[in-house]
Amino acid sequence: MATAKKAAKKTAAKKPAARKTAAKKPAAKKSAAKKPAAKKSAAKKPAAKKSAPAAKRKPNAAFMKAMQPSSQLAAVVGNAPMPRTEVTKKIWDYIKKNKLQDGVNKRLINADDKLRAVFGGKNKVSMFEMTKLVSNHLK
């Protein structure tokens, strides 16, 4: 009988708690009604930021620094000091002019005698590996 009384007390205690949460819900609705007004003012602020002019992107100074090619690389791109970007362009011009790009897999470059010296004796090099090998010939 004591356990029945305890169970009755627990259910009686739970019922008022449920009423309290029901009483809190309308209060929550009032605060939710205030939030959209705050969002409208926040929406105006980003519009003000867009009116500022966008800064132009500056090139990285490390890429624009003139580098001296080695004697093996100079046979392909020339002996004058030039930036890395220009070296890469000239190598690709040489590859396309001599049709050294692989016909099946365009990512591979078939090296001729001049490029084989730059590529460390390899006959085929991927275009990603090429940049790594060429950087070893720049000082």
N, C-alpha and C. Protein backbone atom coordinates (compact mmCIF):
# COMPACT_ATOMS: atom_id res chain seq x y z
N MET A 1 0.82 -1.18 0.00
CA MET A 1 0.00 0.00 0.00
C MET A 1 0.86 1.25 0.00
N ALA A 2 2.03 1.16 0.62
CA ALA A 2 2.92 2.32 0.68
C ALA A 2 3.42 2.66 -0.72
N THR A 3 3.66 1.66 -1.53
CA THR A 3 4.14 1.92 -2.89
C THR A 3 3.06 2.58 -3.73
N ALA A 4 1.80 2.27 -3.50
CA ALA A 4 0.71 2.90 -4.25
C ALA A 4 0.61 4.38 -3.90
N LYS A 5 0.83 4.72 -2.63
CA LYS A 5 0.79 6.12 -2.21
C LYS A 5 1.95 6.90 -2.84
N LYS A 6 3.15 6.28 -2.92
CA LYS A 6 4.30 6.94 -3.51
C LYS A 6 4.06 7.17 -5.00
N ALA A 7 3.47 6.23 -5.68
CA ALA A 7 3.19 6.38 -7.11
C ALA A 7 2.18 7.48 -7.34
N ALA A 8 1.18 7.58 -6.43
CA ALA A 8 0.16 8.63 -6.55
C ALA A 8 0.79 10.00 -6.33
N LYS A 9 1.72 10.09 -5.38
CA LYS A 9 2.40 11.36 -5.12
C LYS A 9 3.24 11.78 -6.33
N LYS A 10 3.93 10.83 -6.99
CA LYS A 10 4.76 11.14 -8.14
C LYS A 10 3.94 11.66 -9.30
N THR A 11 2.79 11.04 -9.55
CA THR A 11 1.94 11.49 -10.66
C THR A 11 1.34 12.85 -10.34
N ALA A 12 1.00 13.08 -9.05
CA ALA A 12 0.45 14.37 -8.64
C ALA A 12 1.53 15.46 -8.78
N ALA A 13 2.75 15.11 -8.50
CA ALA A 13 3.84 16.07 -8.61
C ALA A 13 4.13 16.40 -10.08
N LYS A 14 3.95 15.46 -10.97
CA LYS A 14 4.22 15.67 -12.38
C LYS A 14 3.17 16.56 -13.03
N LYS A 15 1.96 16.49 -12.60
CA LYS A 15 0.89 17.26 -13.24
C LYS A 15 1.11 18.76 -13.11
N PRO A 16 1.44 19.30 -11.95
CA PRO A 16 1.67 20.74 -11.89
C PRO A 16 2.88 21.17 -12.73
N ALA A 17 3.86 20.31 -12.85
CA ALA A 17 5.02 20.64 -13.67
C ALA A 17 4.61 20.79 -15.13
N ALA A 18 3.70 19.96 -15.57
CA ALA A 18 3.22 20.06 -16.94
C ALA A 18 2.48 21.36 -17.15
N ARG A 19 1.76 21.81 -16.14
CA ARG A 19 1.03 23.07 -16.25
C ARG A 19 1.99 24.24 -16.33
N LYS A 20 3.11 24.14 -15.62
CA LYS A 20 4.09 25.23 -15.65
C LYS A 20 4.69 25.38 -17.04
N THR A 21 5.01 24.29 -17.71
CA THR A 21 5.58 24.38 -19.05
C THR A 21 4.57 24.94 -20.04
N ALA A 22 3.29 24.61 -19.81
CA ALA A 22 2.25 25.16 -20.68
C ALA A 22 2.15 26.66 -20.46
N ALA A 23 2.35 27.10 -19.24
CA ALA A 23 2.29 28.53 -18.95
C ALA A 23 3.49 29.26 -19.56
N LYS A 24 4.63 28.59 -19.68
CA LYS A 24 5.82 29.21 -20.23
C LYS A 24 5.76 29.33 -21.75
N LYS A 25 5.04 28.49 -22.41
CA LYS A 25 5.00 28.51 -23.87
C LYS A 25 4.47 29.82 -24.43
N PRO A 26 3.41 30.41 -23.90
CA PRO A 26 2.97 31.69 -24.46
C PRO A 26 4.03 32.78 -24.27
N ALA A 27 4.78 32.73 -23.21
CA ALA A 27 5.84 33.70 -22.99
C ALA A 27 6.92 33.54 -24.07
N ALA A 28 7.18 32.32 -24.45
CA ALA A 28 8.17 32.08 -25.49
C ALA A 28 7.70 32.65 -26.82
N LYS A 29 6.42 32.61 -27.07
CA LYS A 29 5.89 33.15 -28.32
C LYS A 29 6.08 34.66 -28.37
N LYS A 30 5.98 35.33 -27.24
CA LYS A 30 6.17 36.77 -27.22
C LYS A 30 7.61 37.13 -27.58
N SER A 31 8.57 36.37 -27.05
CA SER A 31 9.97 36.67 -27.36
C SER A 31 10.28 36.34 -28.82
N ALA A 32 9.60 35.33 -29.36
CA ALA A 32 9.80 34.99 -30.76
C ALA A 32 9.25 36.09 -31.66
N ALA A 33 8.21 36.76 -31.21
CA ALA A 33 7.65 37.85 -32.00
C ALA A 33 8.61 39.03 -32.05
N LYS A 34 9.43 39.19 -31.05
CA LYS A 34 10.39 40.29 -31.04
C LYS A 34 11.59 40.01 -31.94
N LYS A 35 11.96 38.76 -32.12
CA LYS A 35 13.14 38.41 -32.89
C LYS A 35 13.07 38.83 -34.36
N PRO A 36 11.94 38.68 -35.08
CA PRO A 36 11.94 39.09 -36.48
C PRO A 36 12.25 40.58 -36.65
N ALA A 37 11.86 41.39 -35.71
CA ALA A 37 12.17 42.81 -35.80
C ALA A 37 13.68 43.02 -35.75
N ALA A 38 14.37 42.22 -34.94
CA ALA A 38 15.82 42.32 -34.85
C ALA A 38 16.46 41.85 -36.16
N LYS A 39 15.90 40.85 -36.81
CA LYS A 39 16.44 40.34 -38.06
C LYS A 39 16.35 41.39 -39.17
N LYS A 40 15.31 42.19 -39.17
CA LYS A 40 15.16 43.21 -40.21
C LYS A 40 16.29 44.23 -40.12
N SER A 41 16.65 44.62 -38.92
CA SER A 41 17.74 45.58 -38.77
C SER A 41 19.07 44.94 -39.14
N ALA A 42 19.23 43.64 -38.88
CA ALA A 42 20.46 42.94 -39.24
C ALA A 42 20.57 42.81 -40.76
N ALA A 43 19.45 42.70 -41.44
CA ALA A 43 19.47 42.56 -42.89
C ALA A 43 19.96 43.85 -43.55
N LYS A 44 19.76 44.97 -42.93
CA LYS A 44 20.18 46.25 -43.51
C LYS A 44 21.69 46.42 -43.43
N LYS A 45 22.33 45.85 -42.41
CA LYS A 45 23.76 46.04 -42.21
C LYS A 45 24.60 45.43 -43.33
N PRO A 46 24.35 44.18 -43.81
CA PRO A 46 25.18 43.65 -44.89
C PRO A 46 25.06 44.47 -46.18
N ALA A 47 23.94 45.10 -46.41
CA ALA A 47 23.79 45.91 -47.61
C ALA A 47 24.78 47.07 -47.57
N ALA A 48 25.04 47.62 -46.40
CA ALA A 48 25.99 48.70 -46.27
C ALA A 48 27.41 48.22 -46.56
N LYS A 49 27.73 46.96 -46.21
CA LYS A 49 29.05 46.42 -46.45
C LYS A 49 29.31 46.21 -47.94
N LYS A 50 28.29 45.87 -48.70
CA LYS A 50 28.46 45.60 -50.12
C LYS A 50 28.84 46.86 -50.89
N SER A 51 28.50 48.02 -50.37
CA SER A 51 28.78 49.25 -51.10
C SER A 51 30.28 49.58 -51.09
N ALA A 52 31.06 48.96 -50.20
CA ALA A 52 32.50 49.20 -50.15
C ALA A 52 33.16 48.55 -51.37
N PRO A 53 34.15 49.20 -52.01
CA PRO A 53 34.79 48.61 -53.19
C PRO A 53 35.66 47.42 -52.80
N ALA A 54 35.65 46.38 -53.64
CA ALA A 54 36.43 45.17 -53.37
C ALA A 54 37.89 45.44 -53.70
N ALA A 55 38.79 44.99 -52.84
CA ALA A 55 40.23 45.18 -53.06
C ALA A 55 40.70 44.19 -54.13
N LYS A 56 41.56 44.67 -55.03
CA LYS A 56 42.08 43.80 -56.08
C LYS A 56 43.11 42.85 -55.49
N ARG A 57 43.17 41.65 -56.06
CA ARG A 57 44.09 40.63 -55.58
C ARG A 57 45.50 40.96 -56.05
N LYS A 58 46.46 40.94 -55.12
CA LYS A 58 47.84 41.23 -55.46
C LYS A 58 48.58 39.94 -55.77
N PRO A 59 49.45 39.91 -56.79
CA PRO A 59 50.21 38.69 -57.07
C PRO A 59 51.25 38.44 -55.99
N ASN A 60 51.54 37.18 -55.76
CA ASN A 60 52.52 36.79 -54.76
C ASN A 60 53.92 37.16 -55.27
N ALA A 61 54.69 37.83 -54.45
CA ALA A 61 56.02 38.30 -54.86
C ALA A 61 56.96 37.14 -55.15
N ALA A 62 56.77 36.00 -54.49
CA ALA A 62 57.65 34.84 -54.70
C ALA A 62 57.51 34.30 -56.13
N PHE A 63 56.34 34.37 -56.71
CA PHE A 63 56.14 33.87 -58.07
C PHE A 63 56.70 34.86 -59.10
N MET A 64 56.77 36.12 -58.74
CA MET A 64 57.21 37.13 -59.69
C MET A 64 58.73 37.38 -59.64
N LYS A 65 59.41 36.76 -58.69
CA LYS A 65 60.85 36.94 -58.56
C LYS A 65 61.58 36.27 -59.73
N ALA A 66 62.50 36.98 -60.36
CA ALA A 66 63.26 36.43 -61.48
C ALA A 66 64.23 35.38 -60.97
N MET A 67 64.19 34.19 -61.59
CA MET A 67 65.06 33.08 -61.19
C MET A 67 65.96 32.72 -62.38
N GLN A 68 67.18 32.31 -62.07
CA GLN A 68 68.14 31.93 -63.11
C GLN A 68 67.99 30.43 -63.41
N PRO A 69 67.67 30.06 -64.67
CA PRO A 69 67.56 28.63 -64.99
C PRO A 69 68.93 27.98 -65.13
N SER A 70 68.99 26.69 -64.86
CA SER A 70 70.24 25.94 -65.01
C SER A 70 70.56 25.78 -66.49
N SER A 71 71.72 25.24 -66.80
CA SER A 71 72.12 25.10 -68.20
C SER A 71 71.21 24.12 -68.95
N GLN A 72 70.75 23.04 -68.26
CA GLN A 72 69.84 22.09 -68.92
C GLN A 72 68.49 22.74 -69.21
N LEU A 73 67.97 23.50 -68.26
CA LEU A 73 66.68 24.17 -68.45
C LEU A 73 66.80 25.33 -69.43
N ALA A 74 67.97 25.97 -69.47
CA ALA A 74 68.19 27.09 -70.40
C ALA A 74 68.12 26.62 -71.85
N ALA A 75 68.42 25.36 -72.12
CA ALA A 75 68.31 24.82 -73.48
C ALA A 75 66.86 24.80 -73.94
N VAL A 76 65.91 24.78 -73.01
CA VAL A 76 64.49 24.72 -73.36
C VAL A 76 63.85 26.11 -73.31
N VAL A 77 64.10 26.87 -72.24
CA VAL A 77 63.38 28.14 -72.02
C VAL A 77 64.21 29.38 -72.30
N GLY A 78 65.51 29.27 -72.44
CA GLY A 78 66.36 30.44 -72.63
C GLY A 78 67.19 30.70 -71.40
N ASN A 79 68.25 31.51 -71.57
CA ASN A 79 69.23 31.71 -70.50
C ASN A 79 68.91 32.89 -69.60
N ALA A 80 68.00 33.76 -70.00
CA ALA A 80 67.72 34.98 -69.23
C ALA A 80 66.95 34.64 -67.95
N PRO A 81 67.21 35.37 -66.85
CA PRO A 81 66.43 35.16 -65.63
C PRO A 81 64.96 35.54 -65.85
N MET A 82 64.06 34.72 -65.32
CA MET A 82 62.62 34.98 -65.49
C MET A 82 61.85 34.39 -64.32
N PRO A 83 60.62 34.87 -64.07
CA PRO A 83 59.81 34.32 -62.98
C PRO A 83 59.37 32.88 -63.25
N ARG A 84 59.00 32.18 -62.19
CA ARG A 84 58.54 30.79 -62.32
C ARG A 84 57.37 30.65 -63.28
N THR A 85 56.47 31.61 -63.22
CA THR A 85 55.28 31.54 -64.09
C THR A 85 55.68 31.58 -65.56
N GLU A 86 56.66 32.40 -65.88
CA GLU A 86 57.12 32.52 -67.26
C GLU A 86 57.86 31.25 -67.69
N VAL A 87 58.61 30.65 -66.77
CA VAL A 87 59.32 29.40 -67.07
C VAL A 87 58.30 28.31 -67.42
N THR A 88 57.23 28.22 -66.62
CA THR A 88 56.20 27.20 -66.87
C THR A 88 55.54 27.43 -68.22
N LYS A 89 55.25 28.67 -68.55
CA LYS A 89 54.63 28.99 -69.85
C LYS A 89 55.53 28.57 -71.00
N LYS A 90 56.81 28.87 -70.88
CA LYS A 90 57.74 28.54 -71.96
C LYS A 90 57.93 27.03 -72.11
N ILE A 91 57.91 26.31 -71.00
CA ILE A 91 58.02 24.85 -71.08
C ILE A 91 56.79 24.28 -71.79
N TRP A 92 55.60 24.79 -71.45
CA TRP A 92 54.39 24.30 -72.12
C TRP A 92 54.38 24.68 -73.59
N ASP A 93 54.90 25.84 -73.94
CA ASP A 93 55.01 26.21 -75.36
C ASP A 93 55.92 25.23 -76.09
N TYR A 94 57.04 24.86 -75.45
CA TYR A 94 57.97 23.91 -76.04
C TYR A 94 57.32 22.53 -76.20
N ILE A 95 56.57 22.10 -75.17
CA ILE A 95 55.91 20.79 -75.22
C ILE A 95 54.88 20.75 -76.35
N LYS A 96 54.09 21.79 -76.47
CA LYS A 96 53.04 21.82 -77.51
C LYS A 96 53.63 21.98 -78.91
N LYS A 97 54.69 22.77 -79.02
CA LYS A 97 55.33 22.98 -80.32
C LYS A 97 55.91 21.67 -80.85
N ASN A 98 56.52 20.89 -79.98
CA ASN A 98 57.15 19.62 -80.38
C ASN A 98 56.23 18.42 -80.21
N LYS A 99 54.97 18.66 -79.83
CA LYS A 99 53.95 17.60 -79.66
C LYS A 99 54.44 16.49 -78.74
N LEU A 100 54.87 16.90 -77.54
CA LEU A 100 55.41 15.94 -76.57
C LEU A 100 54.37 15.46 -75.56
N GLN A 101 53.16 16.02 -75.62
CA GLN A 101 52.11 15.58 -74.70
C GLN A 101 51.59 14.22 -75.16
N ASP A 102 51.39 13.30 -74.23
CA ASP A 102 50.95 11.95 -74.56
C ASP A 102 49.57 11.99 -75.22
N GLY A 103 49.37 11.19 -76.25
CA GLY A 103 48.10 11.20 -76.98
C GLY A 103 46.96 10.58 -76.21
N VAL A 104 47.22 9.54 -75.45
CA VAL A 104 46.16 8.84 -74.70
C VAL A 104 45.89 9.54 -73.37
N ASN A 105 46.93 9.74 -72.57
CA ASN A 105 46.80 10.38 -71.27
C ASN A 105 47.45 11.76 -71.36
N LYS A 106 46.64 12.79 -71.48
CA LYS A 106 47.14 14.16 -71.69
C LYS A 106 47.91 14.70 -70.50
N ARG A 107 47.81 14.04 -69.35
CA ARG A 107 48.55 14.50 -68.17
C ARG A 107 50.02 14.11 -68.21
N LEU A 108 50.39 13.22 -69.14
CA LEU A 108 51.78 12.77 -69.23
C LEU A 108 52.51 13.52 -70.33
N ILE A 109 53.79 13.76 -70.10
CA ILE A 109 54.64 14.43 -71.07
C ILE A 109 55.74 13.46 -71.46
N ASN A 110 55.88 13.21 -72.76
CA ASN A 110 56.94 12.36 -73.28
C ASN A 110 58.16 13.23 -73.50
N ALA A 111 59.25 12.95 -72.80
CA ALA A 111 60.43 13.80 -72.83
C ALA A 111 61.28 13.52 -74.06
N ASP A 112 61.76 14.59 -74.71
CA ASP A 112 62.77 14.45 -75.75
C ASP A 112 64.14 14.59 -75.08
N ASP A 113 65.21 14.73 -75.87
CA ASP A 113 66.55 14.76 -75.28
C ASP A 113 66.75 15.95 -74.34
N LYS A 114 66.25 17.15 -74.73
CA LYS A 114 66.43 18.34 -73.90
C LYS A 114 65.64 18.22 -72.60
N LEU A 115 64.40 17.77 -72.68
CA LEU A 115 63.57 17.65 -71.48
C LEU A 115 64.01 16.50 -70.58
N ARG A 116 64.59 15.46 -71.18
CA ARG A 116 65.04 14.32 -70.38
C ARG A 116 66.13 14.76 -69.40
N ALA A 117 66.96 15.70 -69.82
CA ALA A 117 68.01 16.22 -68.93
C ALA A 117 67.38 17.00 -67.77
N VAL A 118 66.28 17.73 -68.05
CA VAL A 118 65.60 18.49 -67.00
C VAL A 118 64.83 17.55 -66.07
N PHE A 119 64.25 16.49 -66.63
CA PHE A 119 63.42 15.56 -65.86
C PHE A 119 64.23 14.48 -65.15
N GLY A 120 65.52 14.58 -65.13
CA GLY A 120 66.35 13.62 -64.41
C GLY A 120 66.43 12.27 -65.09
N GLY A 121 66.39 12.21 -66.42
CA GLY A 121 66.53 10.97 -67.17
C GLY A 121 65.23 10.20 -67.37
N LYS A 122 64.10 10.72 -66.91
CA LYS A 122 62.82 10.02 -67.07
C LYS A 122 62.25 10.26 -68.47
N ASN A 123 61.65 9.21 -69.04
CA ASN A 123 61.06 9.33 -70.37
C ASN A 123 59.66 9.93 -70.33
N LYS A 124 58.87 9.57 -69.30
CA LYS A 124 57.52 10.10 -69.14
C LYS A 124 57.37 10.70 -67.76
N VAL A 125 56.76 11.89 -67.72
CA VAL A 125 56.57 12.61 -66.46
C VAL A 125 55.16 13.18 -66.46
N SER A 126 54.49 13.12 -65.30
CA SER A 126 53.17 13.75 -65.22
C SER A 126 53.36 15.25 -65.11
N MET A 127 52.33 16.00 -65.50
CA MET A 127 52.45 17.46 -65.49
C MET A 127 52.63 18.00 -64.07
N PHE A 128 52.16 17.28 -63.07
CA PHE A 128 52.32 17.72 -61.69
C PHE A 128 53.74 17.46 -61.20
N GLU A 129 54.30 16.34 -61.63
CA GLU A 129 55.68 16.02 -61.26
C GLU A 129 56.65 16.94 -62.00
N MET A 130 56.24 17.41 -63.18
CA MET A 130 57.09 18.28 -63.99
C MET A 130 57.46 19.56 -63.23
N THR A 131 56.48 20.18 -62.56
CA THR A 131 56.75 21.44 -61.85
C THR A 131 57.76 21.22 -60.72
N LYS A 132 57.68 20.07 -60.07
CA LYS A 132 58.62 19.74 -59.00
C LYS A 132 60.03 19.57 -59.57
N LEU A 133 60.14 18.88 -60.70
CA LEU A 133 61.45 18.65 -61.29
C LEU A 133 62.06 19.93 -61.86
N VAL A 134 61.22 20.81 -62.42
CA VAL A 134 61.71 22.06 -62.99
C VAL A 134 62.19 22.99 -61.88
N SER A 135 61.53 22.96 -60.72
CA SER A 135 61.94 23.86 -59.63
C SER A 135 63.34 23.54 -59.13
N ASN A 136 63.79 22.29 -59.34
CA ASN A 136 65.16 21.95 -58.95
C ASN A 136 66.19 22.62 -59.85
N HIS A 137 65.79 23.08 -61.03
CA HIS A 137 66.71 23.70 -61.99
C HIS A 137 66.65 25.22 -61.95
N LEU A 138 65.94 25.79 -60.98
CA LEU A 138 65.87 27.25 -60.83
C LEU A 138 66.61 27.68 -59.58
N LYS A 139 67.39 28.75 -59.71
CA LYS A 139 68.12 29.28 -58.55
C LYS A 139 67.79 30.74 -58.35
